[in-house]
Amino acid sequence: MAALSTRLTQALALRHPVVSAPMALAGGGALAAAVSRAGGLGLIGGGYGDRAWLEEQFDLTAGERVGVGFITWSLQKSPSLLTDVLKHRPVAVMLSFGDPRPFANEIRAAGARLICQCQDMVHVKDAVDAGADVVIAQGAEAGGHGGLRGTLSFVPEAADFLANHAPDTLLVAAGGIADGRGLAASLLLGADGVLLGTRLWAAQEALVREGHHRAILDTNGDGTVRTTLADIAREISWPRGFTARIRRNAFTDHWQGREQALAQDIAVEAPRYRQAFADGDPDDTGVWFGEAAGLIDSVEPAADIIERMVSGAASRLTGHGGARIVVP
């Protein structure tokens, strides 16, 4: 198959400039290993820091080169979790939603690459100050937590800043990328690769209930909403400035604009939410995917998703790659 050589593939010894998002609960060891076997870099989702779960997921990678990602503000509550995870010698550690600087030295000392996911230019500058090897410019189209910037303008702005202030720092695009067109566009915007969340959430190896997988196939790009409702229902206090993109459904329709009422009824609604999530109910809980849902019509092995994406991008970039992109 075609290959795309970029600074990201060269720096991380990958065949393809594709990284899987470390999706909490969904991005386990099986998905990370499948992405790495397919030529990308798979990241295990460290989420809110379940130590036993992380150990189990690293065991499931069967020796593949993988990395891990953490919600930074949550990791700050239990920093020893990072120390334990680094014993598995991850290729990279991704930090999102908080100051990466307190953890940067330990990550580098362990020989792992530091990846910082950013939602605005202040975050990008903080990542550079922390010595990030890779900056991820995450657009608001992405599923799960994020900010307000759109991918199309955020990626080239971040690319320009890095070119002028940290030219050795790699840039990865995220948000709304689900096929070869998105990969090709990201490279032309100045990124060195892409981070895939929603598209790999719809992979067979993802830890996603069948009902939620069916839901993404039935949802187009208009069928998601940015909200704080899921965090209220889960009783998780996220820092201001971040909301989550989830599927628009009966849960969001009932509570949107009534966040205070949900909080007041939390003793009843939190257990109801958690049970619906555990059951794979697509209507009465948070279903965590982004606008790329409108580009997804099947649940497939991760390897098939990546191979088709890279081939599609290569066919569109032929004759336009220059020195940055090599299409054999």
Protein backbone atom coordinates (compact mmCIF):
# COMPACT_ATOMS: atom_id res chain seq x y z
CA MET A 1 0.00 0.00 0.00
CA ALA A 2 0.95 3.65 -0.27
CA ALA A 3 2.99 5.26 2.48
CA LEU A 4 3.22 8.85 3.65
CA SER A 5 6.56 9.88 5.08
CA THR A 6 6.52 12.95 7.30
CA ARG A 7 8.60 14.32 10.15
CA LEU A 8 6.27 12.46 12.53
CA THR A 9 6.84 9.05 10.94
CA GLN A 10 10.58 9.64 10.87
CA ALA A 11 10.80 10.87 14.48
CA LEU A 12 8.65 8.09 15.97
CA ALA A 13 9.63 5.28 13.58
CA LEU A 14 6.10 4.87 12.16
CA ARG A 15 4.90 3.76 8.75
CA HIS A 16 1.95 6.14 8.75
CA PRO A 17 1.43 9.60 10.29
CA VAL A 18 -1.53 8.46 12.36
CA VAL A 19 -1.91 8.45 16.16
CA SER A 20 -4.92 7.10 18.03
CA ALA A 21 -6.48 9.39 20.60
CA PRO A 22 -6.16 8.09 24.17
CA MET A 23 -9.92 7.99 24.64
CA ALA A 24 -10.94 7.39 28.24
CA LEU A 25 -12.69 4.01 28.63
CA ALA A 26 -12.72 3.39 24.84
CA GLY A 27 -9.00 3.48 24.00
CA GLY A 28 -7.68 0.35 25.64
CA GLY A 29 -4.69 -1.87 25.01
CA ALA A 30 -6.27 -3.84 22.17
CA LEU A 31 -7.01 -0.72 20.14
CA ALA A 32 -3.60 0.84 20.83
CA ALA A 33 -1.83 -2.36 19.78
CA ALA A 34 -3.92 -2.65 16.62
CA VAL A 35 -3.09 0.91 15.59
CA SER A 36 0.63 0.36 16.21
CA ARG A 37 0.62 -2.93 14.28
CA ALA A 38 -1.03 -1.09 11.39
CA GLY A 39 1.86 1.37 11.25
CA GLY A 40 0.61 4.22 13.42
CA LEU A 41 1.08 4.93 17.10
CA GLY A 42 -1.59 3.66 19.47
CA LEU A 43 -2.19 5.47 22.76
CA ILE A 44 -3.92 3.91 25.76
CA GLY A 45 -6.43 6.23 27.41
CA GLY A 46 -5.31 6.87 30.98
CA GLY A 47 -8.49 8.84 31.65
CA TYR A 48 -9.01 9.69 35.29
CA GLY A 49 -6.34 7.32 36.55
CA ASP A 50 -7.53 3.78 37.22
CA ARG A 51 -4.21 2.12 38.10
CA ALA A 52 -5.41 -1.50 37.88
CA TRP A 53 -7.17 -0.87 34.56
CA LEU A 54 -4.04 0.67 33.06
CA GLU A 55 -1.92 -2.31 34.11
CA GLU A 56 -4.42 -4.64 32.46
CA GLN A 57 -4.45 -2.60 29.23
CA PHE A 58 -0.66 -2.53 28.95
CA ASP A 59 -0.68 -6.31 29.33
CA LEU A 60 -3.10 -6.51 26.38
CA THR A 61 -0.69 -4.71 24.04
CA ALA A 62 1.37 -7.90 23.69
CA GLY A 63 4.65 -6.01 23.43
CA GLU A 64 3.60 -3.55 20.70
CA ARG A 65 5.12 -0.07 20.75
CA VAL A 66 2.39 2.05 22.30
CA GLY A 67 2.00 5.21 24.31
CA VAL A 68 -0.45 6.51 26.90
CA GLY A 69 -2.43 9.66 27.48
CA PHE A 70 -3.63 11.40 30.64
CA ILE A 71 -6.07 14.12 31.63
CA THR A 72 -3.46 16.38 33.17
CA TRP A 73 -5.51 18.02 35.91
CA SER A 74 -6.59 14.56 37.08
CA LEU A 75 -3.04 13.19 36.97
CA GLN A 76 -1.97 16.02 39.27
CA LYS A 77 -4.09 14.39 41.99
CA SER A 78 -2.12 11.15 41.74
CA PRO A 79 1.28 11.85 40.13
CA SER A 80 2.66 8.46 41.15
CA LEU A 81 0.44 6.97 38.44
CA LEU A 82 2.77 8.44 35.83
CA THR A 83 5.78 6.88 37.55
CA ASP A 84 4.10 3.48 37.47
CA VAL A 85 3.09 3.77 33.81
CA LEU A 86 6.58 4.83 32.73
CA LYS A 87 7.85 1.44 33.92
CA HIS A 88 6.11 0.02 30.83
CA ARG A 89 8.40 2.19 28.67
CA PRO A 90 5.71 3.86 26.54
CA VAL A 91 6.87 5.43 23.31
CA ALA A 92 5.11 8.65 24.22
CA VAL A 93 3.01 10.24 26.94
CA MET A 94 0.24 12.61 25.91
CA LEU A 95 -0.97 15.26 28.36
CA SER A 96 -4.21 17.16 27.82
CA PHE A 97 -6.21 19.76 29.72
CA GLY A 98 -3.73 21.19 32.17
CA ASP A 99 -0.18 22.41 32.71
CA PRO A 100 2.26 19.78 31.37
CA ARG A 101 5.36 21.32 32.94
CA PRO A 102 5.28 19.48 36.31
CA PHE A 103 5.53 16.15 34.46
CA ALA A 104 7.79 16.99 31.53
CA ASN A 105 11.14 16.14 33.11
CA GLU A 106 10.02 12.74 34.38
CA ILE A 107 8.62 11.81 30.97
CA ARG A 108 11.80 12.81 29.17
CA ALA A 109 14.01 11.08 31.75
CA ALA A 110 12.15 7.84 31.03
CA GLY A 111 12.96 8.14 27.32
CA ALA A 112 9.36 8.83 26.25
CA ARG A 113 8.26 11.59 23.91
CA LEU A 114 6.10 14.34 25.39
CA ILE A 115 2.92 15.03 23.44
CA CYS A 116 0.78 17.99 24.49
CA GLN A 117 -2.78 18.37 23.25
CA CYS A 118 -3.78 22.01 22.87
CA GLN A 119 -7.09 23.76 22.34
CA ASP A 120 -5.88 27.33 21.77
CA MET A 121 -2.69 29.28 21.15
CA VAL A 122 -2.05 29.86 24.86
CA HIS A 123 -1.89 26.08 25.25
CA VAL A 124 0.46 25.82 22.28
CA LYS A 125 2.85 28.33 23.84
CA ASP A 126 2.68 26.48 27.18
CA ALA A 127 3.50 23.22 25.39
CA VAL A 128 6.55 24.79 23.76
CA ASP A 129 7.66 26.13 27.14
CA ALA A 130 7.35 22.60 28.53
CA GLY A 131 9.59 21.27 25.76
CA ALA A 132 6.91 19.21 24.03
CA ASP A 133 8.15 16.97 21.23
CA VAL A 134 4.70 16.96 19.63
CA VAL A 135 1.90 19.52 19.80
CA ILE A 136 -1.63 18.47 18.93
CA ALA A 137 -3.92 21.22 17.67
CA GLN A 138 -7.37 19.94 18.60
CA GLY A 139 -10.35 21.53 16.89
CA ALA A 140 -13.78 21.79 18.46
CA GLU A 141 -15.16 19.24 15.99
CA ALA A 142 -13.53 16.51 18.06
CA GLY A 143 -15.52 14.18 20.26
CA GLY A 144 -15.04 14.32 24.00
CA HIS A 145 -13.58 17.29 25.82
CA GLY A 146 -12.14 20.26 23.98
CA GLY A 147 -12.28 23.97 23.38
CA LEU A 148 -13.73 26.37 20.82
CA ARG A 149 -11.19 26.63 17.99
CA GLY A 150 -12.00 25.11 14.60
CA THR A 151 -9.47 22.70 13.11
CA LEU A 152 -9.24 24.45 9.73
CA SER A 153 -7.83 27.70 11.12
CA PHE A 154 -6.20 26.43 14.31
CA VAL A 155 -3.82 23.96 12.62
CA PRO A 156 -2.14 26.44 10.24
CA GLU A 157 -1.92 29.09 12.96
CA ALA A 158 -0.19 26.60 15.23
CA ALA A 159 2.03 25.53 12.33
CA ASP A 160 3.12 29.12 11.74
CA PHE A 161 3.86 29.68 15.42
CA LEU A 162 5.94 26.51 15.69
CA ALA A 163 7.83 27.31 12.50
CA ASN A 164 8.85 30.65 13.98
CA HIS A 165 9.42 29.69 17.62
CA ALA A 166 10.02 25.93 17.85
CA PRO A 167 10.80 24.54 14.39
CA ASP A 168 11.79 21.11 15.70
CA THR A 169 8.46 20.60 17.45
CA LEU A 170 6.10 18.37 15.49
CA LEU A 171 2.47 19.27 14.87
CA VAL A 172 -0.47 16.87 14.77
CA ALA A 173 -4.00 17.86 13.74
CA ALA A 174 -7.13 16.61 15.52
CA GLY A 175 -10.85 17.19 15.24
CA GLY A 176 -13.20 16.04 12.49
CA ILE A 177 -10.62 13.88 10.67
CA ALA A 178 -12.02 10.55 9.53
CA ASP A 179 -10.80 9.69 6.03
CA GLY A 180 -8.07 10.26 3.47
CA ARG A 181 -9.35 13.74 2.66
CA GLY A 182 -8.93 14.81 6.29
CA LEU A 183 -5.43 13.37 6.50
CA ALA A 184 -4.39 15.00 3.22
CA ALA A 185 -5.88 18.35 4.24
CA SER A 186 -4.12 18.24 7.61
CA LEU A 187 -0.74 17.67 5.97
CA LEU A 188 -1.34 20.51 3.52
CA LEU A 189 -2.31 22.79 6.41
CA GLY A 190 1.12 22.23 7.93
CA ALA A 191 0.60 19.27 10.25
CA ASP A 192 3.00 16.34 10.38
CA GLY A 193 0.24 13.84 11.09
CA VAL A 194 -3.21 13.36 12.57
CA LEU A 195 -4.77 12.19 15.83
CA LEU A 196 -7.86 10.03 15.31
CA GLY A 197 -10.52 9.81 17.99
CA THR A 198 -14.05 9.40 16.65
CA ARG A 199 -13.02 7.32 13.63
CA LEU A 200 -11.19 4.81 15.83
CA TRP A 201 -13.94 4.96 18.45
CA ALA A 202 -15.83 3.18 15.67
CA ALA A 203 -13.16 0.48 15.40
CA GLN A 204 -13.87 -3.11 16.35
CA GLU A 205 -11.07 -3.08 18.93
CA ALA A 206 -12.43 -0.03 20.78
CA LEU A 207 -14.03 -0.64 24.17
CA VAL A 208 -17.41 0.63 23.01
CA ARG A 209 -20.78 -1.01 23.60
CA GLU A 210 -22.64 -2.35 20.57
CA GLY A 211 -25.52 0.07 21.14
CA HIS A 212 -23.17 3.02 21.04
CA HIS A 213 -21.50 1.72 17.90
CA ARG A 214 -24.91 1.44 16.26
CA ALA A 215 -25.64 5.00 17.34
CA ILE A 216 -22.64 6.47 15.53
CA LEU A 217 -23.72 4.78 12.30
CA ASP A 218 -27.15 6.37 12.66
CA THR A 219 -25.81 9.87 13.40
CA ASN A 220 -24.60 12.56 10.99
CA GLY A 221 -22.33 15.49 11.70
CA ASP A 222 -25.23 17.60 12.96
CA GLY A 223 -26.09 15.06 15.62
CA THR A 224 -23.64 16.10 18.36
CA VAL A 225 -23.61 18.89 20.90
CA ARG A 226 -21.00 20.58 23.11
CA THR A 227 -22.17 20.46 26.71
CA THR A 228 -21.30 20.03 30.38
CA LEU A 229 -24.23 17.67 31.02
CA ALA A 230 -22.23 14.44 30.99
CA ASP A 231 -19.75 15.81 33.51
CA ILE A 232 -22.54 16.94 35.81
CA ALA A 233 -24.19 13.51 35.57
CA ARG A 234 -20.89 11.76 36.28
CA GLU A 235 -20.12 14.16 39.13
CA ILE A 236 -16.77 15.11 37.61
CA SER A 237 -15.72 18.73 38.06
CA TRP A 238 -13.90 19.82 34.91
CA PRO A 239 -11.96 23.10 34.78
CA ARG A 240 -13.74 26.04 33.21
CA GLY A 241 -13.19 26.50 29.50
CA PHE A 242 -13.68 22.87 28.50
CA THR A 243 -16.90 21.25 27.37
CA ALA A 244 -17.55 17.79 25.95
CA ARG A 245 -18.91 16.92 22.52
CA ILE A 246 -21.32 14.00 22.76
CA ARG A 247 -24.22 12.62 20.76
CA ARG A 248 -27.43 14.63 20.80
CA ASN A 249 -30.03 12.25 22.27
CA ALA A 250 -32.87 11.99 24.79
CA PHE A 251 -30.47 12.68 27.66
CA THR A 252 -29.13 15.92 26.15
CA ASP A 253 -32.54 17.05 24.85
CA HIS A 254 -34.09 16.62 28.30
CA TRP A 255 -31.39 18.41 30.30
CA GLN A 256 -29.85 20.97 27.91
CA GLY A 257 -30.40 24.39 29.46
CA ARG A 258 -31.41 22.74 32.73
CA GLU A 259 -27.95 22.01 34.08
CA GLN A 260 -28.79 23.34 37.55
CA ALA A 261 -31.82 21.06 37.76
CA LEU A 262 -29.66 18.07 36.81
CA ALA A 263 -27.19 18.95 39.54
CA GLN A 264 -29.99 19.24 42.08
CA ASP A 265 -31.36 15.79 41.13
CA ILE A 266 -27.93 14.18 40.98
CA ALA A 267 -28.61 11.58 43.68
CA VAL A 268 -31.16 10.00 41.33
CA GLU A 269 -29.72 10.96 37.94
CA ALA A 270 -26.07 9.94 38.47
CA PRO A 271 -26.82 6.23 39.06
CA ARG A 272 -29.31 6.29 36.19
CA TYR A 273 -26.68 7.80 33.87
CA ARG A 274 -24.00 5.29 34.88
CA GLN A 275 -26.30 2.31 34.44
CA ALA A 276 -27.41 3.48 31.00
CA PHE A 277 -23.77 3.90 29.99
CA ALA A 278 -22.87 0.43 31.25
CA ASP A 279 -25.82 -1.01 29.33
CA GLY A 280 -24.78 0.66 26.08
CA ASP A 281 -28.03 2.64 26.00
CA PRO A 282 -27.65 5.15 23.14
CA ASP A 283 -30.37 7.50 24.38
CA ASP A 284 -30.16 8.06 28.14
CA THR A 285 -26.45 8.62 28.73
CA GLY A 286 -23.44 10.34 27.15
CA VAL A 287 -22.32 8.81 23.85
CA TRP A 288 -18.84 10.11 23.21
CA PHE A 289 -18.09 10.92 19.59
CA GLY A 290 -17.61 14.00 17.43
CA GLU A 291 -18.72 15.58 14.17
CA ALA A 292 -16.78 13.02 12.14
CA ALA A 293 -19.74 10.69 12.82
CA GLY A 294 -21.19 11.98 9.55
CA LEU A 295 -18.27 10.40 7.67
CA ILE A 296 -18.55 6.96 9.27
CA ASP A 297 -20.77 4.22 7.90
CA SER A 298 -19.17 1.07 9.28
CA VAL A 299 -17.43 -0.37 12.33
CA GLU A 300 -14.21 -2.01 11.10
CA PRO A 301 -10.83 -3.25 12.29
CA ALA A 302 -8.46 -0.38 13.06
CA ALA A 303 -5.98 -1.64 10.45
CA ASP A 304 -8.57 -1.37 7.67
CA ILE A 305 -9.49 2.15 8.73
CA ILE A 306 -5.87 3.30 8.70
CA GLU A 307 -4.94 1.60 5.44
CA ARG A 308 -7.90 3.13 3.60
CA MET A 309 -7.21 6.56 5.09
CA VAL A 310 -3.55 6.54 4.10
CA SER A 311 -4.30 5.27 0.59
CA GLY A 312 -6.96 7.92 0.14
CA ALA A 313 -4.65 10.67 1.31
CA ALA A 314 -1.80 9.47 -0.89
CA SER A 315 -3.98 9.50 -3.99
CA ARG A 316 -4.99 13.10 -3.28
CA LEU A 317 -1.48 14.29 -2.47
CA THR A 318 0.28 12.85 -5.51
CA GLY A 319 1.98 15.73 -7.25
CA HIS A 320 1.44 18.08 -4.32
CA GLY A 321 3.65 16.67 -1.59
CA GLY A 322 6.98 18.31 -2.20
CA ALA A 323 9.70 17.46 0.28
CA ARG A 324 7.41 16.96 3.28
CA ILE A 325 5.34 14.08 1.89
CA VAL A 326 6.62 11.05 -0.01
CA VAL A 327 4.11 8.97 -1.99
CA PRO A 328 5.88 5.90 -3.43
